[in-house]
Amino acid sequence: FLTIWGIYRFQVGPLATNPASHIHVQRLAAKTGPLAPV
């Protein structure tokens, strides 16, 4: 895992690749209630 992450410069970023996907992820997260921000 550390090797793969190091190859990717230890970058972090969103799982969604476009705005529509990000909105879909937001809707799924909203279903978790108080854990949605996390």
Full PDB file with SEQRES, HELIX, SHEET, SSBOND, CRYST1, ORIGX, SCALE, CONECT and MASTER records, all heavy atoms in Angstrom:
SEQRES   1 A   38  PHE LEU THR ILE TRP GLY ILE TYR ARG PHE GLN VAL GLY          
SEQRES   2 A   38  PRO LEU ALA THR ASN PRO ALA SER HIS ILE HIS VAL GLN          
SEQRES   3 A   38  ARG LEU ALA ALA LYS THR GLY PRO LEU ALA PRO VAL              
HELIX    1 AA1 LEU A    2  ILE A    7  1                                   6    
HELIX    2 AA2 PRO A   19  ALA A   30  1                                  12    
HELIX    3 AA3 GLY A   33  LEU A   35  5                                   3    
CRYST1    1.000    1.000    1.000  90.00  90.00  90.00 P 1           1          
ORIGX1      1.000000  0.000000  0.000000        0.00000                         
ORIGX2      0.000000  1.000000  0.000000        0.00000                         
ORIGX3      0.000000  0.000000  1.000000        0.00000                         
SCALE1      1.000000  0.000000  0.000000        0.00000                         
SCALE2      0.000000  1.000000  0.000000        0.00000                         
SCALE3      0.000000  0.000000  1.000000        0.00000                         
ATOM      1  N   PHE A   1       0.829  -1.206   0.000  1.00  0.00           N  
ATOM      2  CA  PHE A   1       0.000   0.000   0.000  1.00  0.00           C  
ATOM      3  C   PHE A   1       0.864   1.257   0.000  1.00  0.00           C  
ATOM      4  O   PHE A   1       0.621   2.202  -0.772  1.00  0.00           O  
ATOM      5  CB  PHE A   1      -0.925  -0.007   1.215  1.00  0.00           C  
ATOM      6  CG  PHE A   1      -1.572   1.319   1.500  1.00  0.00           C  
ATOM      7  CD1 PHE A   1      -2.609   1.774   0.697  1.00  0.00           C  
ATOM      8  CD2 PHE A   1      -1.138   2.117   2.549  1.00  0.00           C  
ATOM      9  CE1 PHE A   1      -3.195   3.009   0.946  1.00  0.00           C  
ATOM     10  CE2 PHE A   1      -1.716   3.349   2.799  1.00  0.00           C  
ATOM     11  CZ  PHE A   1      -2.753   3.798   2.007  1.00  0.00           C  
ATOM     12  N   LEU A   2       1.895   1.283   0.846  1.00  0.00           N  
ATOM     13  CA  LEU A   2       2.765   2.464   0.905  1.00  0.00           C  
ATOM     14  C   LEU A   2       3.536   2.648  -0.393  1.00  0.00           C  
ATOM     15  O   LEU A   2       3.787   3.783  -0.814  1.00  0.00           O  
ATOM     16  CB  LEU A   2       3.734   2.324   2.083  1.00  0.00           C  
ATOM     17  CG  LEU A   2       3.111   2.392   3.479  1.00  0.00           C  
ATOM     18  CD1 LEU A   2       4.157   2.130   4.553  1.00  0.00           C  
ATOM     19  CD2 LEU A   2       2.452   3.757   3.707  1.00  0.00           C  
ATOM     20  N   THR A   3       3.905   1.539  -1.034  1.00  0.00           N  
ATOM     21  CA  THR A   3       4.610   1.640  -2.319  1.00  0.00           C  
ATOM     22  C   THR A   3       3.708   2.252  -3.375  1.00  0.00           C  
ATOM     23  O   THR A   3       4.114   3.166  -4.110  1.00  0.00           O  
ATOM     24  CB  THR A   3       5.095   0.254  -2.774  1.00  0.00           C  
ATOM     25  OG1 THR A   3       5.973  -0.291  -1.784  1.00  0.00           O  
ATOM     26  CG2 THR A   3       5.835   0.345  -4.105  1.00  0.00           C  
ATOM     27  N   ILE A   4       2.473   1.759  -3.470  1.00  0.00           N  
ATOM     28  CA  ILE A   4       1.540   2.313  -4.459  1.00  0.00           C  
ATOM     29  C   ILE A   4       1.270   3.782  -4.159  1.00  0.00           C  
ATOM     30  O   ILE A   4       1.288   4.630  -5.070  1.00  0.00           O  
ATOM     31  CB  ILE A   4       0.226   1.506  -4.463  1.00  0.00           C  
ATOM     32  CG1 ILE A   4       0.472   0.078  -4.938  1.00  0.00           C  
ATOM     33  CG2 ILE A   4      -0.825   2.184  -5.341  1.00  0.00           C  
ATOM     34  CD1 ILE A   4      -0.738  -0.827  -4.825  1.00  0.00           C  
ATOM     35  N   TRP A   5       1.042   4.087  -2.897  1.00  0.00           N  
ATOM     36  CA  TRP A   5       0.767   5.475  -2.521  1.00  0.00           C  
ATOM     37  C   TRP A   5       1.982   6.358  -2.809  1.00  0.00           C  
ATOM     38  O   TRP A   5       1.842   7.494  -3.279  1.00  0.00           O  
ATOM     39  CB  TRP A   5       0.384   5.536  -1.041  1.00  0.00           C  
ATOM     40  CG  TRP A   5      -0.258   6.839  -0.634  1.00  0.00           C  
ATOM     41  CD1 TRP A   5      -0.733   7.822  -1.468  1.00  0.00           C  
ATOM     42  CD2 TRP A   5      -0.506   7.290   0.692  1.00  0.00           C  
ATOM     43  NE1 TRP A   5      -1.257   8.850  -0.737  1.00  0.00           N  
ATOM     44  CE2 TRP A   5      -1.133   8.552   0.597  1.00  0.00           C  
ATOM     45  CE3 TRP A   5      -0.267   6.735   1.954  1.00  0.00           C  
ATOM     46  CZ2 TRP A   5      -1.509   9.288   1.719  1.00  0.00           C  
ATOM     47  CZ3 TRP A   5      -0.644   7.465   3.073  1.00  0.00           C  
ATOM     48  CH2 TRP A   5      -1.260   8.718   2.956  1.00  0.00           C  
ATOM     49  N   GLY A   6       3.178   5.843  -2.553  1.00  0.00           N  
ATOM     50  CA  GLY A   6       4.390   6.608  -2.846  1.00  0.00           C  
ATOM     51  C   GLY A   6       4.561   6.845  -4.338  1.00  0.00           C  
ATOM     52  O   GLY A   6       4.993   7.921  -4.762  1.00  0.00           O  
ATOM     53  N   ILE A   7       4.229   5.848  -5.153  1.00  0.00           N  
ATOM     54  CA  ILE A   7       4.295   6.017  -6.608  1.00  0.00           C  
ATOM     55  C   ILE A   7       3.365   7.142  -7.041  1.00  0.00           C  
ATOM     56  O   ILE A   7       3.669   7.889  -7.983  1.00  0.00           O  
ATOM     57  CB  ILE A   7       3.933   4.696  -7.303  1.00  0.00           C  
ATOM     58  CG1 ILE A   7       5.069   3.683  -7.112  1.00  0.00           C  
ATOM     59  CG2 ILE A   7       3.634   4.897  -8.781  1.00  0.00           C  
ATOM     60  CD1 ILE A   7       4.728   2.287  -7.552  1.00  0.00           C  
ATOM     61  N   TYR A   8       2.248   7.300  -6.333  1.00  0.00           N  
ATOM     62  CA  TYR A   8       1.308   8.382  -6.619  1.00  0.00           C  
ATOM     63  C   TYR A   8       1.596   9.632  -5.786  1.00  0.00           C  
ATOM     64  O   TYR A   8       0.688  10.416  -5.521  1.00  0.00           O  
ATOM     65  CB  TYR A   8      -0.124   7.904  -6.386  1.00  0.00           C  
ATOM     66  CG  TYR A   8      -0.669   7.071  -7.522  1.00  0.00           C  
ATOM     67  CD1 TYR A   8      -0.429   5.703  -7.579  1.00  0.00           C  
ATOM     68  CD2 TYR A   8      -1.397   7.651  -8.549  1.00  0.00           C  
ATOM     69  CE1 TYR A   8      -0.920   4.936  -8.630  1.00  0.00           C  
ATOM     70  CE2 TYR A   8      -1.897   6.891  -9.602  1.00  0.00           C  
ATOM     71  CZ  TYR A   8      -1.642   5.533  -9.637  1.00  0.00           C  
ATOM     72  OH  TYR A   8      -2.119   4.783 -10.677  1.00  0.00           O  
ATOM     73  N   ARG A   9       2.870   9.800  -5.373  1.00  0.00           N  
ATOM     74  CA  ARG A   9       3.342  10.990  -4.655  1.00  0.00           C  
ATOM     75  C   ARG A   9       2.594  11.228  -3.338  1.00  0.00           C  
ATOM     76  O   ARG A   9       2.478  12.372  -2.893  1.00  0.00           O  
ATOM     77  CB  ARG A   9       3.202  12.235  -5.543  1.00  0.00           C  
ATOM     78  CG  ARG A   9       4.147  12.276  -6.732  1.00  0.00           C  
ATOM     79  CD  ARG A   9       3.899  13.526  -7.553  1.00  0.00           C  
ATOM     80  NE  ARG A   9       4.865  13.649  -8.622  1.00  0.00           N  
ATOM     81  CZ  ARG A   9       6.014  14.320  -8.540  1.00  0.00           C  
ATOM     82  NH1 ARG A   9       6.332  14.924  -7.411  1.00  0.00           N  
ATOM     83  NH2 ARG A   9       6.820  14.386  -9.578  1.00  0.00           N  
ATOM     84  N   PHE A  10       2.084  10.199  -2.727  1.00  0.00           N  
ATOM     85  CA  PHE A  10       1.339  10.290  -1.468  1.00  0.00           C  
ATOM     86  C   PHE A  10       0.196  11.303  -1.577  1.00  0.00           C  
ATOM     87  O   PHE A  10      -0.152  11.977  -0.604  1.00  0.00           O  
ATOM     88  CB  PHE A  10       2.269  10.655  -0.302  1.00  0.00           C  
ATOM     89  CG  PHE A  10       3.282   9.593  -0.010  1.00  0.00           C  
ATOM     90  CD1 PHE A  10       4.607   9.753  -0.411  1.00  0.00           C  
ATOM     91  CD2 PHE A  10       2.919   8.419   0.634  1.00  0.00           C  
ATOM     92  CE1 PHE A  10       5.550   8.762  -0.153  1.00  0.00           C  
ATOM     93  CE2 PHE A  10       3.860   7.424   0.893  1.00  0.00           C  
ATOM     94  CZ  PHE A  10       5.180   7.598   0.492  1.00  0.00           C  
ATOM     95  N   GLN A  11      -0.402  11.378  -2.757  1.00  0.00           N  
ATOM     96  CA  GLN A  11      -1.515  12.296  -2.973  1.00  0.00           C  
ATOM     97  C   GLN A  11      -2.805  11.717  -2.413  1.00  0.00           C  
ATOM     98  O   GLN A  11      -2.991  10.511  -2.340  1.00  0.00           O  
ATOM     99  CB  GLN A  11      -1.682  12.592  -4.470  1.00  0.00           C  
ATOM    100  CG  GLN A  11      -0.538  13.379  -5.079  1.00  0.00           C  
ATOM    101  CD  GLN A  11      -0.735  13.588  -6.567  1.00  0.00           C  
ATOM    102  OE1 GLN A  11      -1.609  12.993  -7.194  1.00  0.00           O  
ATOM    103  NE2 GLN A  11       0.080  14.446  -7.165  1.00  0.00           N  
ATOM    104  N   VAL A  12      -3.712  12.591  -2.036  1.00  0.00           N  
ATOM    105  CA  VAL A  12      -5.070  12.217  -1.649  1.00  0.00           C  
ATOM    106  C   VAL A  12      -6.020  13.058  -2.488  1.00  0.00           C  
ATOM    107  O   VAL A  12      -5.700  14.182  -2.884  1.00  0.00           O  
ATOM    108  CB  VAL A  12      -5.345  12.431  -0.151  1.00  0.00           C  
ATOM    109  CG1 VAL A  12      -4.484  11.516   0.696  1.00  0.00           C  
ATOM    110  CG2 VAL A  12      -5.100  13.885   0.244  1.00  0.00           C  
ATOM    111  N   GLY A  13      -7.195  12.517  -2.767  1.00  0.00           N  
ATOM    112  CA  GLY A  13      -8.143  13.242  -3.594  1.00  0.00           C  
ATOM    113  C   GLY A  13      -9.491  12.560  -3.602  1.00  0.00           C  
ATOM    114  O   GLY A  13      -9.692  11.527  -2.954  1.00  0.00           O  
ATOM    115  N   PRO A  14     -10.441  13.110  -4.348  1.00  0.00           N  
ATOM    116  CA  PRO A  14     -11.811  12.574  -4.354  1.00  0.00           C  
ATOM    117  C   PRO A  14     -11.918  11.297  -5.171  1.00  0.00           C  
ATOM    118  O   PRO A  14     -11.214  11.110  -6.161  1.00  0.00           O  
ATOM    119  CB  PRO A  14     -12.617  13.709  -4.999  1.00  0.00           C  
ATOM    120  CG  PRO A  14     -11.635  14.397  -5.894  1.00  0.00           C  
ATOM    121  CD  PRO A  14     -10.307  14.314  -5.192  1.00  0.00           C  
ATOM    122  N   LEU A  15     -12.822  10.450  -4.731  1.00  0.00           N  
ATOM    123  CA  LEU A  15     -13.075   9.213  -5.464  1.00  0.00           C  
ATOM    124  C   LEU A  15     -13.877   9.484  -6.731  1.00  0.00           C  
ATOM    125  O   LEU A  15     -13.687   8.821  -7.745  1.00  0.00           O  
ATOM    126  CB  LEU A  15     -13.833   8.231  -4.569  1.00  0.00           C  
ATOM    127  CG  LEU A  15     -14.042   6.813  -5.104  1.00  0.00           C  
ATOM    128  CD1 LEU A  15     -12.699   6.141  -5.356  1.00  0.00           C  
ATOM    129  CD2 LEU A  15     -14.859   5.993  -4.121  1.00  0.00           C  
ATOM    130  N   ALA A  16     -14.776  10.474  -6.690  1.00  0.00           N  
ATOM    131  CA  ALA A  16     -15.607  10.812  -7.849  1.00  0.00           C  
ATOM    132  C   ALA A  16     -14.753  11.474  -8.922  1.00  0.00           C  
ATOM    133  O   ALA A  16     -13.887  12.305  -8.624  1.00  0.00           O  
ATOM    134  CB  ALA A  16     -16.738  11.742  -7.432  1.00  0.00           C  
ATOM    135  N   THR A  17     -15.005  11.117 -10.171  1.00  0.00           N  
ATOM    136  CA  THR A  17     -14.195  11.642 -11.273  1.00  0.00           C  
ATOM    137  C   THR A  17     -14.856  12.817 -11.994  1.00  0.00           C  
ATOM    138  O   THR A  17     -14.217  13.460 -12.817  1.00  0.00           O  
ATOM    139  CB  THR A  17     -13.934  10.525 -12.301  1.00  0.00           C  
ATOM    140  OG1 THR A  17     -15.194   9.978 -12.715  1.00  0.00           O  
ATOM    141  CG2 THR A  17     -13.074   9.424 -11.697  1.00  0.00           C  
ATOM    142  N   ASN A  18     -16.121  13.101 -11.699  1.00  0.00           N  
ATOM    143  CA  ASN A  18     -16.805  14.223 -12.352  1.00  0.00           C  
ATOM    144  C   ASN A  18     -17.888  14.762 -11.420  1.00  0.00           C  
ATOM    145  O   ASN A  18     -18.250  14.118 -10.423  1.00  0.00           O  
ATOM    146  CB  ASN A  18     -17.404  13.785 -13.693  1.00  0.00           C  
ATOM    147  CG  ASN A  18     -18.325  12.579 -13.551  1.00  0.00           C  
ATOM    148  OD1 ASN A  18     -19.342  12.653 -12.860  1.00  0.00           O  
ATOM    149  ND2 ASN A  18     -17.966  11.471 -14.188  1.00  0.00           N  
ATOM    150  N   PRO A  19     -18.433  15.959 -11.677  1.00  0.00           N  
ATOM    151  CA  PRO A  19     -19.439  16.544 -10.782  1.00  0.00           C  
ATOM    152  C   PRO A  19     -20.664  15.659 -10.572  1.00  0.00           C  
ATOM    153  O   PRO A  19     -21.188  15.581  -9.456  1.00  0.00           O  
ATOM    154  CB  PRO A  19     -19.810  17.865 -11.496  1.00  0.00           C  
ATOM    155  CG  PRO A  19     -18.607  18.200 -12.319  1.00  0.00           C  
ATOM    156  CD  PRO A  19     -18.032  16.892 -12.745  1.00  0.00           C  
ATOM    157  N   ALA A  20     -21.131  14.989 -11.617  1.00  0.00           N  
ATOM    158  CA  ALA A  20     -22.322  14.140 -11.472  1.00  0.00           C  
ATOM    159  C   ALA A  20     -22.049  12.995 -10.496  1.00  0.00           C  
ATOM    160  O   ALA A  20     -22.891  12.664  -9.641  1.00  0.00           O  
ATOM    161  CB  ALA A  20     -22.743  13.591 -12.829  1.00  0.00           C  
ATOM    162  N   SER A  21     -20.846  12.392 -10.616  1.00  0.00           N  
ATOM    163  CA  SER A  21     -20.486  11.314  -9.697  1.00  0.00           C  
ATOM    164  C   SER A  21     -20.367  11.838  -8.273  1.00  0.00           C  
ATOM    165  O   SER A  21     -20.742  11.160  -7.313  1.00  0.00           O  
ATOM    166  CB  SER A  21     -19.169  10.670 -10.129  1.00  0.00           C  
ATOM    167  OG  SER A  21     -19.286  10.106 -11.410  1.00  0.00           O  
ATOM    168  N   HIS A  22     -19.850  13.057  -8.130  1.00  0.00           N  
ATOM    169  CA  HIS A  22     -19.689  13.631  -6.787  1.00  0.00           C  
ATOM    170  C   HIS A  22     -21.043  13.871  -6.137  1.00  0.00           C  
ATOM    171  O   HIS A  22     -21.225  13.631  -4.932  1.00  0.00           O  
ATOM    172  CB  HIS A  22     -18.895  14.937  -6.883  1.00  0.00           C  
ATOM    173  CG  HIS A  22     -18.373  15.408  -5.569  1.00  0.00           C  
ATOM    174  ND1 HIS A  22     -19.051  16.314  -4.766  1.00  0.00           N  
ATOM    175  CD2 HIS A  22     -17.235  15.081  -4.886  1.00  0.00           C  
ATOM    176  CE1 HIS A  22     -18.357  16.536  -3.660  1.00  0.00           C  
ATOM    177  NE2 HIS A  22     -17.252  15.795  -3.711  1.00  0.00           N  
ATOM    178  N   ILE A  23     -22.007  14.337  -6.921  1.00  0.00           N  
ATOM    179  CA  ILE A  23     -23.357  14.540  -6.382  1.00  0.00           C  
ATOM    180  C   ILE A  23     -23.956  13.209  -5.946  1.00  0.00           C  
ATOM    181  O   ILE A  23     -24.617  13.113  -4.896  1.00  0.00           O  
ATOM    182  CB  ILE A  23     -24.236  15.227  -7.443  1.00  0.00           C  
ATOM    183  CG1 ILE A  23     -23.747  16.655  -7.681  1.00  0.00           C  
ATOM    184  CG2 ILE A  23     -25.704  15.222  -7.016  1.00  0.00           C  
ATOM    185  CD1 ILE A  23     -24.446  17.353  -8.838  1.00  0.00           C  
ATOM    186  N   HIS A  24     -23.726  12.158  -6.740  1.00  0.00           N  
ATOM    187  CA  HIS A  24     -24.234  10.824  -6.388  1.00  0.00           C  
ATOM    188  C   HIS A  24     -23.620  10.354  -5.076  1.00  0.00           C  
ATOM    189  O   HIS A  24     -24.320   9.792  -4.213  1.00  0.00           O  
ATOM    190  CB  HIS A  24     -23.908   9.847  -7.516  1.00  0.00           C  
ATOM    191  CG  HIS A  24     -24.371   8.446  -7.250  1.00  0.00           C  
ATOM    192  ND1 HIS A  24     -25.702   8.102  -7.171  1.00  0.00           N  
ATOM    193  CD2 HIS A  24     -23.662   7.294  -7.028  1.00  0.00           C  
ATOM    194  CE1 HIS A  24     -25.815   6.811  -6.917  1.00  0.00           C  
ATOM    195  NE2 HIS A  24     -24.595   6.297  -6.827  1.00  0.00           N  
ATOM    196  N   VAL A  25     -22.314  10.593  -4.895  1.00  0.00           N  
ATOM    197  CA  VAL A  25     -21.649  10.203  -3.645  1.00  0.00           C  
ATOM    198  C   VAL A  25     -22.218  10.997  -2.478  1.00  0.00           C  
ATOM    199  O   VAL A  25     -22.420  10.460  -1.377  1.00  0.00           O  
ATOM    200  CB  VAL A  25     -20.125  10.406  -3.776  1.00  0.00           C  
ATOM    201  CG1 VAL A  25     -19.432  10.220  -2.426  1.00  0.00           C  
ATOM    202  CG2 VAL A  25     -19.534   9.435  -4.790  1.00  0.00           C  
ATOM    203  N   GLN A  26     -22.492  12.273  -2.696  1.00  0.00           N  
ATOM    204  CA  GLN A  26     -23.075  13.093  -1.628  1.00  0.00           C  
ATOM    205  C   GLN A  26     -24.428  12.547  -1.183  1.00  0.00           C  
ATOM    206  O   GLN A  26     -24.743  12.513   0.017  1.00  0.00           O  
ATOM    207  CB  GLN A  26     -23.230  14.537  -2.114  1.00  0.00           C  
ATOM    208  CG  GLN A  26     -21.913  15.333  -2.146  1.00  0.00           C  
ATOM    209  CD  GLN A  26     -22.130  16.747  -2.615  1.00  0.00           C  
ATOM    210  OE1 GLN A  26     -22.926  17.002  -3.517  1.00  0.00           O  
ATOM    211  NE2 GLN A  26     -21.419  17.685  -2.013  1.00  0.00           N  
ATOM    212  N   ARG A  27     -25.220  12.117  -2.142  1.00  0.00           N  
ATOM    213  CA  ARG A  27     -26.542  11.564  -1.797  1.00  0.00           C  
ATOM    214  C   ARG A  27     -26.403  10.269  -0.996  1.00  0.00           C  
ATOM    215  O   ARG A  27     -27.163  10.029  -0.050  1.00  0.00           O  
ATOM    216  CB  ARG A  27     -27.332  11.320  -3.073  1.00  0.00           C  
ATOM    217  CG  ARG A  27     -27.776  12.603  -3.770  1.00  0.00           C  
ATOM    218  CD  ARG A  27     -28.404  12.312  -5.112  1.00  0.00           C  
ATOM    219  NE  ARG A  27     -28.861  13.529  -5.783  1.00  0.00           N  
ATOM    220  CZ  ARG A  27     -29.286  13.587  -7.034  1.00  0.00           C  
ATOM    221  NH1 ARG A  27     -29.320  12.454  -7.769  1.00  0.00           N  
ATOM    222  NH2 ARG A  27     -29.679  14.734  -7.570  1.00  0.00           N  
ATOM    223  N   LEU A  28     -25.445   9.436  -1.393  1.00  0.00           N  
ATOM    224  CA  LEU A  28     -25.229   8.202  -0.636  1.00  0.00           C  
ATOM    225  C   LEU A  28     -24.735   8.513   0.772  1.00  0.00           C  
ATOM    226  O   LEU A  28     -25.154   7.870   1.743  1.00  0.00           O  
ATOM    227  CB  LEU A  28     -24.206   7.324  -1.371  1.00  0.00           C  
ATOM    228  CG  LEU A  28     -24.656   6.730  -2.704  1.00  0.00           C  
ATOM    229  CD1 LEU A  28     -23.513   5.961  -3.350  1.00  0.00           C  
ATOM    230  CD2 LEU A  28     -25.853   5.802  -2.498  1.00  0.00           C  
ATOM    231  N   ALA A  29     -23.861   9.508   0.898  1.00  0.00           N  
ATOM    232  CA  ALA A  29     -23.335   9.864   2.219  1.00  0.00           C  
ATOM    233  C   ALA A  29     -24.433  10.437   3.109  1.00  0.00           C  
ATOM    234  O   ALA A  29     -24.445  10.217   4.320  1.00  0.00           O  
ATOM    235  CB  ALA A  29     -22.191  10.872   2.067  1.00  0.00           C  
ATOM    236  N   ALA A  30     -25.367  11.165   2.481  1.00  0.00           N  
ATOM    237  CA  ALA A  30     -26.442  11.771   3.271  1.00  0.00           C  
ATOM    238  C   ALA A  30     -27.299  10.721   3.961  1.00  0.00           C  
ATOM    239  O   ALA A  30     -27.886  10.979   5.024  1.00  0.00           O  
ATOM    240  CB  ALA A  30     -27.310  12.647   2.370  1.00  0.00           C  
ATOM    241  N   LYS A  31     -27.346   9.530   3.392  1.00  0.00           N  
ATOM    242  CA  LYS A  31     -28.150   8.463   3.988  1.00  0.00           C  
ATOM    243  C   LYS A  31     -27.531   7.929   5.278  1.00  0.00           C  
ATOM    244  O   LYS A  31     -28.181   7.172   6.002  1.00  0.00           O  
ATOM    245  CB  LYS A  31     -28.323   7.325   2.981  1.00  0.00           C  
ATOM    246  CG  LYS A  31     -29.119   7.732   1.741  1.00  0.00           C  
ATOM    247  CD  LYS A  31     -29.270   6.570   0.773  1.00  0.00           C  
ATOM    248  CE  LYS A  31     -30.064   6.979  -0.463  1.00  0.00           C  
ATOM    249  NZ  LYS A  31     -30.222   5.861  -1.433  1.00  0.00           N  
ATOM    250  N   THR A  32     -26.289   8.285   5.561  1.00  0.00           N  
ATOM    251  CA  THR A  32     -25.639   7.820   6.790  1.00  0.00           C  
ATOM    252  C   THR A  32     -25.974   8.705   7.983  1.00  0.00           C  
ATOM    253  O   THR A  32     -25.480   8.469   9.086  1.00  0.00           O  
ATOM    254  CB  THR A  32     -24.118   7.772   6.602  1.00  0.00           C  
ATOM    255  OG1 THR A  32     -23.616   9.080   6.314  1.00  0.00           O  
ATOM    256  CG2 THR A  32     -23.744   6.829   5.475  1.00  0.00           C  
ATOM    257  N   GLY A  33     -26.804   9.757   7.757  1.00  0.00           N  
ATOM    258  CA  GLY A  33     -27.255  10.602   8.847  1.00  0.00           C  
ATOM    259  C   GLY A  33     -26.144  11.455   9.443  1.00  0.00           C  
ATOM    260  O   GLY A  33     -25.431  12.166   8.716  1.00  0.00           O  
ATOM    261  N   PRO A  34     -25.944  11.390  10.755  1.00  0.00           N  
ATOM    262  CA  PRO A  34     -24.933  12.241  11.398  1.00  0.00           C  
ATOM    263  C   PRO A  34     -23.502  11.934  10.957  1.00  0.00           C  
ATOM    264  O   PRO A  34     -22.605  12.746  11.156  1.00  0.00           O  
ATOM    265  CB  PRO A  34     -25.120  11.934  12.887  1.00  0.00           C  
ATOM    266  CG  PRO A  34     -25.811  10.611  12.935  1.00  0.00           C  
ATOM    267  CD  PRO A  34     -26.674  10.564  11.726  1.00  0.00           C  
ATOM    268  N   LEU A  35     -23.277  10.767  10.349  1.00  0.00           N  
ATOM    269  CA  LEU A  35     -21.927  10.426   9.892  1.00  0.00           C  
ATOM    270  C   LEU A  35     -21.631  10.962   8.494  1.00  0.00           C  
ATOM    271  O   LEU A  35     -20.524  10.756   7.968  1.00  0.00           O  
ATOM    272  CB  LEU A  35     -21.752   8.901   9.885  1.00  0.00           C  
ATOM    273  CG  LEU A  35     -21.794   8.194  11.242  1.00  0.00           C  
ATOM    274  CD1 LEU A  35     -21.663   6.695  11.045  1.00  0.00           C  
ATOM    275  CD2 LEU A  35     -20.665   8.709  12.146  1.00  0.00           C  
ATOM    276  N   ALA A  36     -22.606  11.659   7.885  1.00  0.00           N  
ATOM    277  CA  ALA A  36     -22.440  12.129   6.509  1.00  0.00           C  
ATOM    278  C   ALA A  36     -21.185  12.989   6.325  1.00  0.00           C  
ATOM    279  O   ALA A  36     -20.428  12.775   5.367  1.00  0.00           O  
ATOM    280  CB  ALA A  36     -23.684  12.886   6.060  1.00  0.00           C  
ATOM    281  N   PRO A  37     -20.902  13.963   7.203  1.00  0.00           N  
ATOM    282  CA  PRO A  37     -19.673  14.766   7.001  1.00  0.00           C  
ATOM    283  C   PRO A  37     -18.398  13.916   7.058  1.00  0.00           C  
ATOM    284  O   PRO A  37     -17.452  14.152   6.303  1.00  0.00           O  
ATOM    285  CB  PRO A  37     -19.715  15.769   8.158  1.00  0.00           C  
ATOM    286  CG  PRO A  37     -21.154  15.851   8.544  1.00  0.00           C  
ATOM    287  CD  PRO A  37     -21.694  14.475   8.337  1.00  0.00           C  
ATOM    288  N   VAL A  38     -18.400  12.921   7.942  1.00  0.00           N  
ATOM    289  CA  VAL A  38     -17.223  12.059   8.055  1.00  0.00           C  
ATOM    290  C   VAL A  38     -17.056  11.219   6.791  1.00  0.00           C  
ATOM    291  O   VAL A  38     -15.956  11.078   6.258  1.00  0.00           O  
ATOM    292  CB  VAL A  38     -17.337  11.153   9.297  1.00  0.00           C  
ATOM    293  CG1 VAL A  38     -16.144  10.202   9.383  1.00  0.00           C  
ATOM    294  CG2 VAL A  38     -17.447  11.997  10.557  1.00  0.00           C  
TER     295      VAL A  38                                                      
MASTER        0    0    0    3    0    0    0    6  294    1    0    3          
END                                                                             
